[in-house]
Every structure is written in structure tokens, then in C-alpha cells.
């Protein structure tokens, strides 16, 4: 059985109605060896017009080497 964990909201992540070639896929769960907690990364398009958002180190947080 598939359980929906979250969905594109149109504010933070584009919906299909906002962009017919939207991306909201490729979930990759992993356990962080530092805290032992389960996390998931995924691919998603930021809602809004292309080029209106910038992502820097403050938004990304710690990134593992490699």
C-alpha cells in the first residue's frame, strides 16, 4: 500500500497545474549516522517564476562531503 507523505502545495513546490513538466519525485530515504533519524530527500521544483528565488548556504544547511 502506498502512503502519501506530502504533496506539492503550489507555494513552496510547483504543482502540475503551475508547470506541466513539474518534478516532485525520486524519494530517497536515508538514516543520518549522526543522529540515527530517518530522513528523505526528493526532487521538486520551487513554486513561482524561474529565477525569482535564490538558494544559498543558509537555506541548504550542512552538506556532507562528496
PDB file of N, CA and C in Angstrom:
ATOM      1  N   UNK A   1       0.833  -1.175   0.000  1.00  0.00           N
ATOM      2  CA  UNK A   1       0.000   0.000   0.000  1.00  0.00           C
ATOM      3  C   UNK A   1       0.884   1.247   0.000  1.00  0.00           C
ATOM      4  N   UNK A   2       0.539   2.194  -0.831  1.00  0.00           N
ATOM      5  CA  UNK A   2       1.278   3.456  -0.924  1.00  0.00           C
ATOM      6  C   UNK A   2       0.645   4.460   0.028  1.00  0.00           C
ATOM      7  N   UNK A   3       1.474   5.086   0.844  1.00  0.00           N
ATOM      8  CA  UNK A   3       1.001   6.102   1.782  1.00  0.00           C
ATOM      9  C   UNK A   3       1.590   7.447   1.375  1.00  0.00           C
ATOM     10  N   UNK A   4       0.728   8.417   1.097  1.00  0.00           N
ATOM     11  CA  UNK A   4       1.180   9.749   0.705  1.00  0.00           C
ATOM     12  C   UNK A   4       1.730  10.464   1.935  1.00  0.00           C
ATOM     13  N   UNK A   5       2.978  10.911   1.859  1.00  0.00           N
ATOM     14  CA  UNK A   5       3.606  11.613   2.972  1.00  0.00           C
ATOM     15  C   UNK A   5       3.422  13.126   2.872  1.00  0.00           C
ATOM     16  N   UNK A   6       3.423  13.652   1.656  1.00  0.00           N
ATOM     17  CA  UNK A   6       3.258  15.077   1.419  1.00  0.00           C
ATOM     18  C   UNK A   6       2.980  15.271  -0.060  1.00  0.00           C
ATOM     19  N   UNK A   7       2.585  16.472  -0.445  1.00  0.00           N
ATOM     20  CA  UNK A   7       2.338  16.757  -1.854  1.00  0.00           C
ATOM     21  C   UNK A   7       2.731  18.189  -2.168  1.00  0.00           C
ATOM     22  N   UNK A   8       2.960  18.456  -3.438  1.00  0.00           N
ATOM     23  CA  UNK A   8       3.296  19.810  -3.877  1.00  0.00           C
ATOM     24  C   UNK A   8       2.144  20.737  -3.506  1.00  0.00           C
ATOM     25  N   UNK A   9       2.476  21.893  -2.936  1.00  0.00           N
ATOM     26  CA  UNK A   9       1.457  22.792  -2.404  1.00  0.00           C
ATOM     27  C   UNK A   9       1.228  24.048  -3.236  1.00  0.00           C
ATOM     28  N   UNK A  10       2.062  24.294  -4.241  1.00  0.00           N
ATOM     29  CA  UNK A  10       1.900  25.485  -5.064  1.00  0.00           C
ATOM     30  C   UNK A  10       2.539  26.728  -4.472  1.00  0.00           C
ATOM     31  N   UNK A  11       2.981  26.656  -3.226  1.00  0.00           N
ATOM     32  CA  UNK A  11       3.648  27.777  -2.567  1.00  0.00           C
ATOM     33  C   UNK A  11       5.145  27.543  -2.499  1.00  0.00           C
ATOM     34  N   UNK A  12       5.528  26.401  -1.959  1.00  0.00           N
ATOM     35  CA  UNK A  12       6.941  26.046  -1.867  1.00  0.00           C
ATOM     36  C   UNK A  12       7.372  25.158  -3.029  1.00  0.00           C
ATOM     37  N   UNK A  13       6.477  24.311  -3.498  1.00  0.00           N
ATOM     38  CA  UNK A  13       6.791  23.391  -4.596  1.00  0.00           C
ATOM     39  C   UNK A  13       5.736  23.515  -5.674  1.00  0.00           C
ATOM     40  N   UNK A  14       6.176  23.563  -6.937  1.00  0.00           N
ATOM     41  CA  UNK A  14       5.249  23.691  -8.055  1.00  0.00           C
ATOM     42  C   UNK A  14       4.328  22.491  -8.147  1.00  0.00           C
ATOM     43  N   UNK A  15       3.093  22.779  -8.519  1.00  0.00           N
ATOM     44  CA  UNK A  15       2.129  21.733  -8.820  1.00  0.00           C
ATOM     45  C   UNK A  15       2.126  21.494 -10.328  1.00  0.00           C
ATOM     46  N   UNK A  16       1.483  20.441 -10.748  1.00  0.00           N
ATOM     47  CA  UNK A  16       1.381  20.158 -12.182  1.00  0.00           C
ATOM     48  C   UNK A  16       0.619  21.265 -12.896  1.00  0.00           C
ATOM     49  N   UNK A  17      -0.352  21.894 -12.218  1.00  0.00           N
ATOM     50  CA  UNK A  17      -1.111  22.993 -12.822  1.00  0.00           C
ATOM     51  C   UNK A  17      -0.215  24.204 -13.097  1.00  0.00           C
ATOM     52  N   UNK A  18       0.819  24.409 -12.282  1.00  0.00           N
ATOM     53  CA  UNK A  18       1.729  25.534 -12.472  1.00  0.00           C
ATOM     54  C   UNK A  18       2.780  25.261 -13.540  1.00  0.00           C
ATOM     55  N   UNK A  19       3.097  24.008 -13.758  1.00  0.00           N
ATOM     56  CA  UNK A  19       4.167  23.655 -14.688  1.00  0.00           C
ATOM     57  C   UNK A  19       3.920  22.232 -15.176  1.00  0.00           C
ATOM     58  N   UNK A  20       3.582  22.097 -16.443  1.00  0.00           N
ATOM     59  CA  UNK A  20       3.243  20.762 -16.966  1.00  0.00           C
ATOM     60  C   UNK A  20       4.429  19.808 -16.969  1.00  0.00           C
ATOM     61  N   UNK A  21       5.639  20.328 -16.833  1.00  0.00           N
ATOM     62  CA  UNK A  21       6.816  19.453 -16.751  1.00  0.00           C
ATOM     63  C   UNK A  21       7.395  19.479 -15.335  1.00  0.00           C
ATOM     64  N   UNK A  22       6.525  19.525 -14.358  1.00  0.00           N
ATOM     65  CA  UNK A  22       6.930  19.612 -12.954  1.00  0.00           C
ATOM     66  C   UNK A  22       7.677  18.380 -12.501  1.00  0.00           C
ATOM     67  N   UNK A  23       8.475  18.562 -11.470  1.00  0.00           N
ATOM     68  CA  UNK A  23       9.213  17.466 -10.843  1.00  0.00           C
ATOM     69  C   UNK A  23       8.869  17.440  -9.367  1.00  0.00           C
ATOM     70  N   UNK A  24       8.387  16.335  -8.909  1.00  0.00           N
ATOM     71  CA  UNK A  24       8.135  16.112  -7.487  1.00  0.00           C
ATOM     72  C   UNK A  24       8.224  14.610  -7.318  1.00  0.00           C
ATOM     73  N   UNK A  25       9.455  14.121  -7.267  1.00  0.00           N
ATOM     74  CA  UNK A  25       9.646  12.678  -7.387  1.00  0.00           C
ATOM     75  C   UNK A  25      10.993  12.243  -6.808  1.00  0.00           C
ATOM     76  N   UNK A  26      11.346  11.024  -7.080  1.00  0.00           N
ATOM     77  CA  UNK A  26      12.631  10.418  -6.727  1.00  0.00           C
ATOM     78  C   UNK A  26      12.934  10.467  -5.231  1.00  0.00           C
ATOM     79  N   UNK A  27      12.010   9.995  -4.386  1.00  0.00           N
ATOM     80  CA  UNK A  27      12.299  10.000  -2.951  1.00  0.00           C
ATOM     81  C   UNK A  27      13.453   9.059  -2.618  1.00  0.00           C
ATOM     82  N   UNK A  28      14.325   9.502  -1.742  1.00  0.00           N
ATOM     83  CA  UNK A  28      15.476   8.702  -1.315  1.00  0.00           C
ATOM     84  C   UNK A  28      15.595   8.774   0.203  1.00  0.00           C
ATOM     85  N   UNK A  29      14.998   7.811   0.911  1.00  0.00           N
ATOM     86  CA  UNK A  29      15.123   7.820   2.368  1.00  0.00           C
ATOM     87  C   UNK A  29      16.526   7.399   2.802  1.00  0.00           C
ATOM     88  N   UNK A  30      16.970   7.936   3.925  1.00  0.00           N
ATOM     89  CA  UNK A  30      18.273   7.553   4.468  1.00  0.00           C
ATOM     90  C   UNK A  30      18.282   7.786   5.976  1.00  0.00           C
ATOM     91  N   UNK A  31      19.145   7.084   6.672  1.00  0.00           N
ATOM     92  CA  UNK A  31      19.326   7.276   8.111  1.00  0.00           C
ATOM     93  C   UNK A  31      20.617   8.056   8.319  1.00  0.00           C
ATOM     94  N   UNK A  32      20.491   9.177   9.015  1.00  0.00           N
ATOM     95  CA  UNK A  32      21.656  10.013   9.305  1.00  0.00           C
ATOM     96  C   UNK A  32      22.483   9.322  10.390  1.00  0.00           C
ATOM     97  N   UNK A  33      23.739   8.994  10.098  1.00  0.00           N
ATOM     98  CA  UNK A  33      24.559   8.308  11.095  1.00  0.00           C
ATOM     99  C   UNK A  33      24.871   9.174  12.316  1.00  0.00           C
ATOM    100  N   UNK A  34      24.705  10.492  12.186  1.00  0.00           N
ATOM    101  CA  UNK A  34      24.982  11.387  13.317  1.00  0.00           C
ATOM    102  C   UNK A  34      23.896  11.348  14.384  1.00  0.00           C
ATOM    103  N   UNK A  35      22.635  11.225  13.959  1.00  0.00           N
ATOM    104  CA  UNK A  35      21.553  11.219  14.947  1.00  0.00           C
ATOM    105  C   UNK A  35      20.676   9.969  14.891  1.00  0.00           C
ATOM    106  N   UNK A  36      20.912   9.097  13.901  1.00  0.00           N
ATOM    107  CA  UNK A  36      20.148   7.856  13.794  1.00  0.00           C
ATOM    108  C   UNK A  36      18.721   8.037  13.318  1.00  0.00           C
ATOM    109  N   UNK A  37      18.346   9.251  12.898  1.00  0.00           N
ATOM    110  CA  UNK A  37      16.978   9.521  12.455  1.00  0.00           C
ATOM    111  C   UNK A  37      16.826   9.259  10.963  1.00  0.00           C
ATOM    112  N   UNK A  38      15.598   8.901  10.577  1.00  0.00           N
ATOM    113  CA  UNK A  38      15.255   8.655   9.183  1.00  0.00           C
ATOM    114  C   UNK A  38      14.858   9.969   8.521  1.00  0.00           C
ATOM    115  N   UNK A  39      15.460  10.260   7.378  1.00  0.00           N
ATOM    116  CA  UNK A  39      15.149  11.453   6.596  1.00  0.00           C
ATOM    117  C   UNK A  39      14.867  11.036   5.162  1.00  0.00           C
ATOM    118  N   UNK A  40      14.318  11.966   4.366  1.00  0.00           N
ATOM    119  CA  UNK A  40      14.086  11.687   2.955  1.00  0.00           C
ATOM    120  C   UNK A  40      14.397  12.935   2.143  1.00  0.00           C
ATOM    121  N   UNK A  41      15.122  12.757   1.065  1.00  0.00           N
ATOM    122  CA  UNK A  41      15.327  13.832   0.103  1.00  0.00           C
ATOM    123  C   UNK A  41      14.529  13.486  -1.146  1.00  0.00           C
ATOM    124  N   UNK A  42      14.161  14.498  -1.909  1.00  0.00           N
ATOM    125  CA  UNK A  42      13.380  14.287  -3.121  1.00  0.00           C
ATOM    126  C   UNK A  42      13.660  15.430  -4.080  1.00  0.00           C
ATOM    127  N   UNK A  43      13.238  15.233  -5.308  1.00  0.00           N
ATOM    128  CA  UNK A  43      13.390  16.272  -6.322  1.00  0.00           C
ATOM    129  C   UNK A  43      12.084  17.035  -6.422  1.00  0.00           C
ATOM    130  N   UNK A  44      12.164  18.356  -6.445  1.00  0.00           N
ATOM    131  CA  UNK A  44      10.972  19.175  -6.583  1.00  0.00           C
ATOM    132  C   UNK A  44      11.320  20.519  -7.190  1.00  0.00           C
ATOM    133  N   UNK A  45      10.381  21.101  -7.929  1.00  0.00           N
ATOM    134  CA  UNK A  45      10.563  22.439  -8.489  1.00  0.00           C
ATOM    135  C   UNK A  45      10.017  23.460  -7.503  1.00  0.00           C
ATOM    136  N   UNK A  46      10.761  24.535  -7.275  1.00  0.00           N
ATOM    137  CA  UNK A  46      10.302  25.607  -6.405  1.00  0.00           C
ATOM    138  C   UNK A  46       9.148  26.325  -7.095  1.00  0.00           C
ATOM    139  N   UNK A  47       8.091  26.603  -6.340  1.00  0.00           N
ATOM    140  CA  UNK A  47       6.943  27.319  -6.906  1.00  0.00           C
ATOM    141  C   UNK A  47       7.340  28.752  -7.245  1.00  0.00           C
ATOM    142  N   UNK A  48       6.652  29.353  -8.198  1.00  0.00           N
ATOM    143  CA  UNK A  48       6.951  30.718  -8.617  1.00  0.00           C
ATOM    144  C   UNK A  48       7.623  30.725  -9.976  1.00  0.00           C
ATOM    145  N   UNK A  49       7.996  31.901 -10.401  1.00  0.00           N
ATOM    146  CA  UNK A  49       8.624  32.059 -11.705  1.00  0.00           C
ATOM    147  C   UNK A  49      10.110  31.730 -11.633  1.00  0.00           C
ATOM    148  N   UNK A  50      10.629  31.146 -12.694  1.00  0.00           N
ATOM    149  CA  UNK A  50      12.048  30.795 -12.770  1.00  0.00           C
ATOM    150  C   UNK A  50      12.905  32.040 -12.527  1.00  0.00           C
ATOM    151  N   UNK A  51      13.912  31.897 -11.681  1.00  0.00           N
ATOM    152  CA  UNK A  51      14.832  32.984 -11.407  1.00  0.00           C
ATOM    153  C   UNK A  51      14.409  33.932 -10.294  1.00  0.00           C
ATOM    154  N   UNK A  52      13.234  33.708  -9.691  1.00  0.00           N
ATOM    155  CA  UNK A  52      12.778  34.614  -8.633  1.00  0.00           C
ATOM    156  C   UNK A  52      13.248  34.190  -7.250  1.00  0.00           C
ATOM    157  N   UNK A  53      13.866  33.028  -7.132  1.00  0.00           N
ATOM    158  CA  UNK A  53      14.346  32.532  -5.839  1.00  0.00           C
ATOM    159  C   UNK A  53      15.846  32.285  -5.919  1.00  0.00           C
ATOM    160  N   UNK A  54      16.525  32.533  -4.823  1.00  0.00           N
ATOM    161  CA  UNK A  54      17.932  32.158  -4.761  1.00  0.00           C
ATOM    162  C   UNK A  54      18.126  31.247  -3.555  1.00  0.00           C
ATOM    163  N   UNK A  55      18.967  30.257  -3.716  1.00  0.00           N
ATOM    164  CA  UNK A  55      19.257  29.308  -2.651  1.00  0.00           C
ATOM    165  C   UNK A  55      20.739  29.395  -2.342  1.00  0.00           C
ATOM    166  N   UNK A  56      21.037  29.688  -1.099  1.00  0.00           N
ATOM    167  CA  UNK A  56      22.428  29.807  -0.680  1.00  0.00           C
ATOM    168  C   UNK A  56      22.735  28.866   0.468  1.00  0.00           C
ATOM    169  N   UNK A  57      23.882  29.051   1.073  1.00  0.00           N
ATOM    170  CA  UNK A  57      24.337  28.174   2.153  1.00  0.00           C
ATOM    171  C   UNK A  57      23.371  28.173   3.334  1.00  0.00           C
ATOM    172  N   UNK A  58      22.759  29.317   3.637  1.00  0.00           N
ATOM    173  CA  UNK A  58      21.833  29.396   4.771  1.00  0.00           C
ATOM    174  C   UNK A  58      20.598  28.523   4.556  1.00  0.00           C
ATOM    175  N   UNK A  59      20.142  28.412   3.314  1.00  0.00           N
ATOM    176  CA  UNK A  59      18.968  27.590   3.018  1.00  0.00           C
ATOM    177  C   UNK A  59      19.314  26.109   2.939  1.00  0.00           C
ATOM    178  N   UNK A  60      20.510  25.797   2.485  1.00  0.00           N
ATOM    179  CA  UNK A  60      20.908  24.397   2.315  1.00  0.00           C
ATOM    180  C   UNK A  60      21.246  23.708   3.625  1.00  0.00           C
ATOM    181  N   UNK A  61      21.845  24.422   4.546  1.00  0.00           N
ATOM    182  CA  UNK A  61      22.292  23.797   5.783  1.00  0.00           C
ATOM    183  C   UNK A  61      23.538  22.968   5.531  1.00  0.00           C
ATOM    184  N   UNK A  62      23.898  22.106   6.491  1.00  0.00           N
ATOM    185  CA  UNK A  62      25.118  21.313   6.326  1.00  0.00           C
ATOM    186  C   UNK A  62      24.992  20.304   5.190  1.00  0.00           C
ATOM    187  N   UNK A  63      25.986  20.238   4.361  1.00  0.00           N
ATOM    188  CA  UNK A  63      26.004  19.301   3.237  1.00  0.00           C
ATOM    189  C   UNK A  63      27.196  18.367   3.424  1.00  0.00           C
ATOM    190  N   UNK A  64      26.954  17.054   3.350  1.00  0.00           N
ATOM    191  CA  UNK A  64      28.077  16.125   3.534  1.00  0.00           C
ATOM    192  C   UNK A  64      29.085  16.241   2.396  1.00  0.00           C
ATOM    193  N   UNK A  65      30.334  15.895   2.650  1.00  0.00           N
ATOM    194  CA  UNK A  65      31.340  15.963   1.583  1.00  0.00           C
ATOM    195  C   UNK A  65      31.043  14.969   0.470  1.00  0.00           C
ATOM    196  N   UNK A  66      31.513  15.285  -0.718  1.00  0.00           N
ATOM    197  CA  UNK A  66      31.357  14.371  -1.843  1.00  0.00           C
ATOM    198  C   UNK A  66      30.288  14.790  -2.725  1.00  0.00           C
TER     199      UNK A  66
END
